[in-house]
Amino acid sequence: MNIIRVRRKIASSRIRISELKELIGKQVEIIVKETEPAKGTFEGKNVYGILSGYKDTQKSYQEKQAWELIAREKHGNR
């Protein structure tokens, strides 16, 4: 018995679910259940910069140089 769980927002009365391709021609039971949005989500709002108050401005230079430092540590200075 296969159980497939698909979570998405319904935009119309017609739904395409590609995960059901392997069940074509078989008897299935389809149950649709409305779920509550997860607590702490900001549906419909822009959350860009929401954590900017916690940033450490003194480490921004280190963050910019992180890739170069890690590459040197891993591969040496060639």
N, C-alpha and C. Protein backbone atom coordinates (compact mmCIF):
# COMPACT_ATOMS: atom_id res chain seq x y z
N MET A 1 0.84 -1.17 0.00
CA MET A 1 0.00 0.00 0.00
C MET A 1 0.89 1.23 0.00
N ASN A 2 0.69 2.12 -0.98
CA ASN A 2 1.42 3.38 -1.06
C ASN A 2 0.60 4.48 -0.45
N ILE A 3 1.26 5.33 0.32
CA ILE A 3 0.61 6.53 0.85
C ILE A 3 1.40 7.72 0.35
N ILE A 4 0.72 8.64 -0.30
CA ILE A 4 1.35 9.84 -0.84
C ILE A 4 0.73 11.04 -0.16
N ARG A 5 1.56 11.89 0.40
CA ARG A 5 1.08 13.11 1.04
C ARG A 5 1.59 14.31 0.24
N VAL A 6 0.67 15.12 -0.23
CA VAL A 6 1.00 16.31 -1.00
C VAL A 6 0.39 17.49 -0.29
N ARG A 7 1.20 18.48 0.02
CA ARG A 7 0.69 19.69 0.68
C ARG A 7 0.89 20.86 -0.27
N ARG A 8 -0.20 21.53 -0.55
CA ARG A 8 -0.12 22.72 -1.40
C ARG A 8 -1.37 23.56 -1.22
N LYS A 9 -1.27 24.78 -1.66
CA LYS A 9 -2.41 25.69 -1.61
C LYS A 9 -3.26 25.46 -2.86
N ILE A 10 -4.55 25.31 -2.67
CA ILE A 10 -5.47 25.04 -3.79
C ILE A 10 -5.82 26.37 -4.45
N ALA A 11 -5.56 26.45 -5.75
CA ALA A 11 -5.83 27.67 -6.50
C ALA A 11 -7.06 27.54 -7.39
N SER A 12 -7.50 26.31 -7.67
CA SER A 12 -8.69 26.11 -8.48
C SER A 12 -9.30 24.76 -8.13
N SER A 13 -10.42 24.44 -8.78
CA SER A 13 -11.08 23.16 -8.49
C SER A 13 -10.40 21.99 -9.21
N ARG A 14 -9.48 22.28 -10.10
CA ARG A 14 -8.74 21.22 -10.79
C ARG A 14 -7.33 21.16 -10.23
N ILE A 15 -6.93 19.96 -9.88
CA ILE A 15 -5.62 19.77 -9.27
C ILE A 15 -4.83 18.76 -10.09
N ARG A 16 -3.59 19.06 -10.39
CA ARG A 16 -2.68 18.12 -11.05
C ARG A 16 -1.67 17.67 -10.00
N ILE A 17 -1.58 16.36 -9.83
CA ILE A 17 -0.66 15.80 -8.85
C ILE A 17 0.22 14.79 -9.57
N SER A 18 1.43 15.19 -9.89
CA SER A 18 2.33 14.33 -10.66
C SER A 18 2.75 13.09 -9.88
N GLU A 19 2.68 13.12 -8.57
CA GLU A 19 3.06 11.97 -7.75
C GLU A 19 2.12 10.77 -7.93
N LEU A 20 0.96 10.99 -8.56
CA LEU A 20 -0.02 9.92 -8.73
C LEU A 20 0.19 9.10 -10.01
N LYS A 21 1.19 9.43 -10.81
CA LYS A 21 1.40 8.73 -12.08
C LYS A 21 1.55 7.23 -11.91
N GLU A 22 2.21 6.79 -10.85
CA GLU A 22 2.42 5.36 -10.65
C GLU A 22 1.15 4.64 -10.22
N LEU A 23 0.11 5.37 -9.87
CA LEU A 23 -1.14 4.77 -9.42
C LEU A 23 -2.23 4.77 -10.50
N ILE A 24 -1.92 5.23 -11.68
CA ILE A 24 -2.90 5.27 -12.77
C ILE A 24 -3.40 3.86 -13.06
N GLY A 25 -4.71 3.70 -13.11
CA GLY A 25 -5.33 2.41 -13.37
C GLY A 25 -5.60 1.58 -12.13
N LYS A 26 -5.22 2.08 -10.96
CA LYS A 26 -5.44 1.35 -9.71
C LYS A 26 -6.56 2.01 -8.92
N GLN A 27 -7.19 1.23 -8.05
CA GLN A 27 -8.21 1.76 -7.15
C GLN A 27 -7.52 2.54 -6.03
N VAL A 28 -7.96 3.77 -5.81
CA VAL A 28 -7.37 4.61 -4.76
C VAL A 28 -8.47 5.31 -3.99
N GLU A 29 -8.15 5.79 -2.82
CA GLU A 29 -9.04 6.63 -2.04
C GLU A 29 -8.34 7.98 -1.89
N ILE A 30 -9.04 9.03 -2.24
CA ILE A 30 -8.46 10.37 -2.16
C ILE A 30 -9.18 11.13 -1.06
N ILE A 31 -8.41 11.62 -0.09
CA ILE A 31 -8.95 12.38 1.03
C ILE A 31 -8.31 13.76 0.99
N VAL A 32 -9.13 14.80 1.04
CA VAL A 32 -8.63 16.17 1.07
C VAL A 32 -8.98 16.74 2.43
N LYS A 33 -7.98 17.23 3.12
CA LYS A 33 -8.14 17.74 4.48
C LYS A 33 -7.55 19.13 4.56
N GLU A 34 -8.32 20.08 5.03
CA GLU A 34 -7.82 21.44 5.21
C GLU A 34 -6.93 21.47 6.44
N THR A 35 -5.79 22.12 6.32
CA THR A 35 -4.86 22.21 7.44
C THR A 35 -4.73 23.65 7.92
N GLU A 36 -4.34 23.79 9.15
CA GLU A 36 -4.09 25.11 9.72
C GLU A 36 -2.70 25.56 9.30
N PRO A 37 -2.52 26.85 9.01
CA PRO A 37 -1.16 27.32 8.72
C PRO A 37 -0.29 27.16 9.96
N ALA A 38 0.97 26.86 9.74
CA ALA A 38 1.90 26.69 10.85
C ALA A 38 2.06 28.00 11.61
N LYS A 39 2.18 27.89 12.93
CA LYS A 39 2.37 29.09 13.74
C LYS A 39 3.71 29.71 13.41
N GLY A 40 3.75 31.02 13.41
CA GLY A 40 4.98 31.72 13.13
C GLY A 40 5.21 32.00 11.66
N THR A 41 4.28 31.62 10.81
CA THR A 41 4.44 31.92 9.39
C THR A 41 3.89 33.31 9.11
N PHE A 42 4.42 33.93 8.11
CA PHE A 42 4.02 35.27 7.73
C PHE A 42 3.42 35.22 6.34
N GLU A 43 2.28 34.59 6.22
CA GLU A 43 1.65 34.38 4.92
C GLU A 43 1.28 35.71 4.29
N GLY A 44 1.76 35.91 3.08
CA GLY A 44 1.42 37.12 2.34
C GLY A 44 2.24 38.34 2.71
N LYS A 45 3.19 38.21 3.62
CA LYS A 45 4.00 39.35 4.01
C LYS A 45 5.44 39.11 3.59
N ASN A 46 6.15 40.17 3.31
CA ASN A 46 7.55 40.09 2.96
C ASN A 46 8.36 40.00 4.24
N VAL A 47 9.16 38.95 4.39
CA VAL A 47 9.93 38.77 5.61
C VAL A 47 11.41 39.09 5.39
N TYR A 48 11.72 39.75 4.28
CA TYR A 48 13.09 40.14 4.00
C TYR A 48 13.62 41.04 5.11
N GLY A 49 14.72 40.71 5.68
CA GLY A 49 15.35 41.54 6.69
C GLY A 49 14.78 41.40 8.08
N ILE A 50 13.96 40.39 8.32
CA ILE A 50 13.31 40.27 9.62
C ILE A 50 14.33 40.00 10.74
N LEU A 51 15.46 39.38 10.41
CA LEU A 51 16.49 39.09 11.40
C LEU A 51 17.64 40.09 11.36
N SER A 52 17.50 41.16 10.60
CA SER A 52 18.61 42.11 10.46
C SER A 52 19.00 42.76 11.78
N GLY A 53 18.10 42.82 12.74
CA GLY A 53 18.44 43.39 14.05
C GLY A 53 19.42 42.55 14.84
N TYR A 54 19.60 41.29 14.44
CA TYR A 54 20.49 40.38 15.15
C TYR A 54 21.86 40.23 14.49
N LYS A 55 22.08 40.91 13.37
CA LYS A 55 23.34 40.72 12.65
C LYS A 55 24.51 41.33 13.41
N ASP A 56 25.68 40.75 13.21
CA ASP A 56 26.91 41.23 13.83
C ASP A 56 27.70 41.96 12.75
N THR A 57 27.68 43.26 12.78
CA THR A 57 28.31 44.05 11.73
C THR A 57 29.82 43.89 11.71
N GLN A 58 30.41 43.50 12.82
CA GLN A 58 31.86 43.30 12.86
C GLN A 58 32.29 42.06 12.11
N LYS A 59 31.40 41.14 11.86
CA LYS A 59 31.75 39.90 11.17
C LYS A 59 31.41 39.94 9.68
N SER A 60 30.88 41.03 9.20
CA SER A 60 30.50 41.08 7.78
C SER A 60 31.71 40.93 6.87
N TYR A 61 32.86 41.47 7.25
CA TYR A 61 34.06 41.32 6.43
C TYR A 61 34.48 39.85 6.38
N GLN A 62 34.41 39.16 7.53
CA GLN A 62 34.77 37.75 7.56
C GLN A 62 33.83 36.93 6.68
N GLU A 63 32.57 37.26 6.66
CA GLU A 63 31.61 36.55 5.83
C GLU A 63 31.91 36.73 4.36
N LYS A 64 32.34 37.91 3.98
CA LYS A 64 32.66 38.17 2.58
C LYS A 64 33.88 37.38 2.13
N GLN A 65 34.81 37.13 3.05
CA GLN A 65 36.05 36.43 2.71
C GLN A 65 35.98 34.93 3.00
N ALA A 66 34.86 34.42 3.47
CA ALA A 66 34.75 33.04 3.92
C ALA A 66 35.08 32.03 2.81
N TRP A 67 34.57 32.23 1.62
CA TRP A 67 34.81 31.27 0.53
C TRP A 67 36.29 31.17 0.21
N GLU A 68 36.96 32.30 0.13
CA GLU A 68 38.39 32.31 -0.17
C GLU A 68 39.18 31.59 0.93
N LEU A 69 38.84 31.84 2.18
CA LEU A 69 39.55 31.21 3.30
C LEU A 69 39.35 29.70 3.30
N ILE A 70 38.13 29.24 3.07
CA ILE A 70 37.86 27.81 3.08
C ILE A 70 38.55 27.12 1.90
N ALA A 71 38.56 27.75 0.74
CA ALA A 71 39.23 27.17 -0.43
C ALA A 71 40.73 27.04 -0.18
N ARG A 72 41.32 28.04 0.46
CA ARG A 72 42.76 27.98 0.77
C ARG A 72 43.05 26.85 1.76
N GLU A 73 42.19 26.71 2.78
CA GLU A 73 42.40 25.66 3.77
C GLU A 73 42.28 24.27 3.14
N LYS A 74 41.32 24.12 2.24
CA LYS A 74 41.08 22.81 1.66
C LYS A 74 42.10 22.45 0.59
N HIS A 75 42.44 23.39 -0.29
CA HIS A 75 43.28 23.09 -1.45
C HIS A 75 44.68 23.65 -1.34
N GLY A 76 44.96 24.41 -0.36
CA GLY A 76 46.28 25.02 -0.24
C GLY A 76 46.41 26.21 -1.16
N ASN A 77 47.55 26.86 -1.12
CA ASN A 77 47.78 28.05 -1.95
C ASN A 77 48.54 27.61 -3.19
N ARG A 78 47.81 27.38 -4.27
CA ARG A 78 48.44 26.89 -5.51
C ARG A 78 48.73 28.01 -6.44
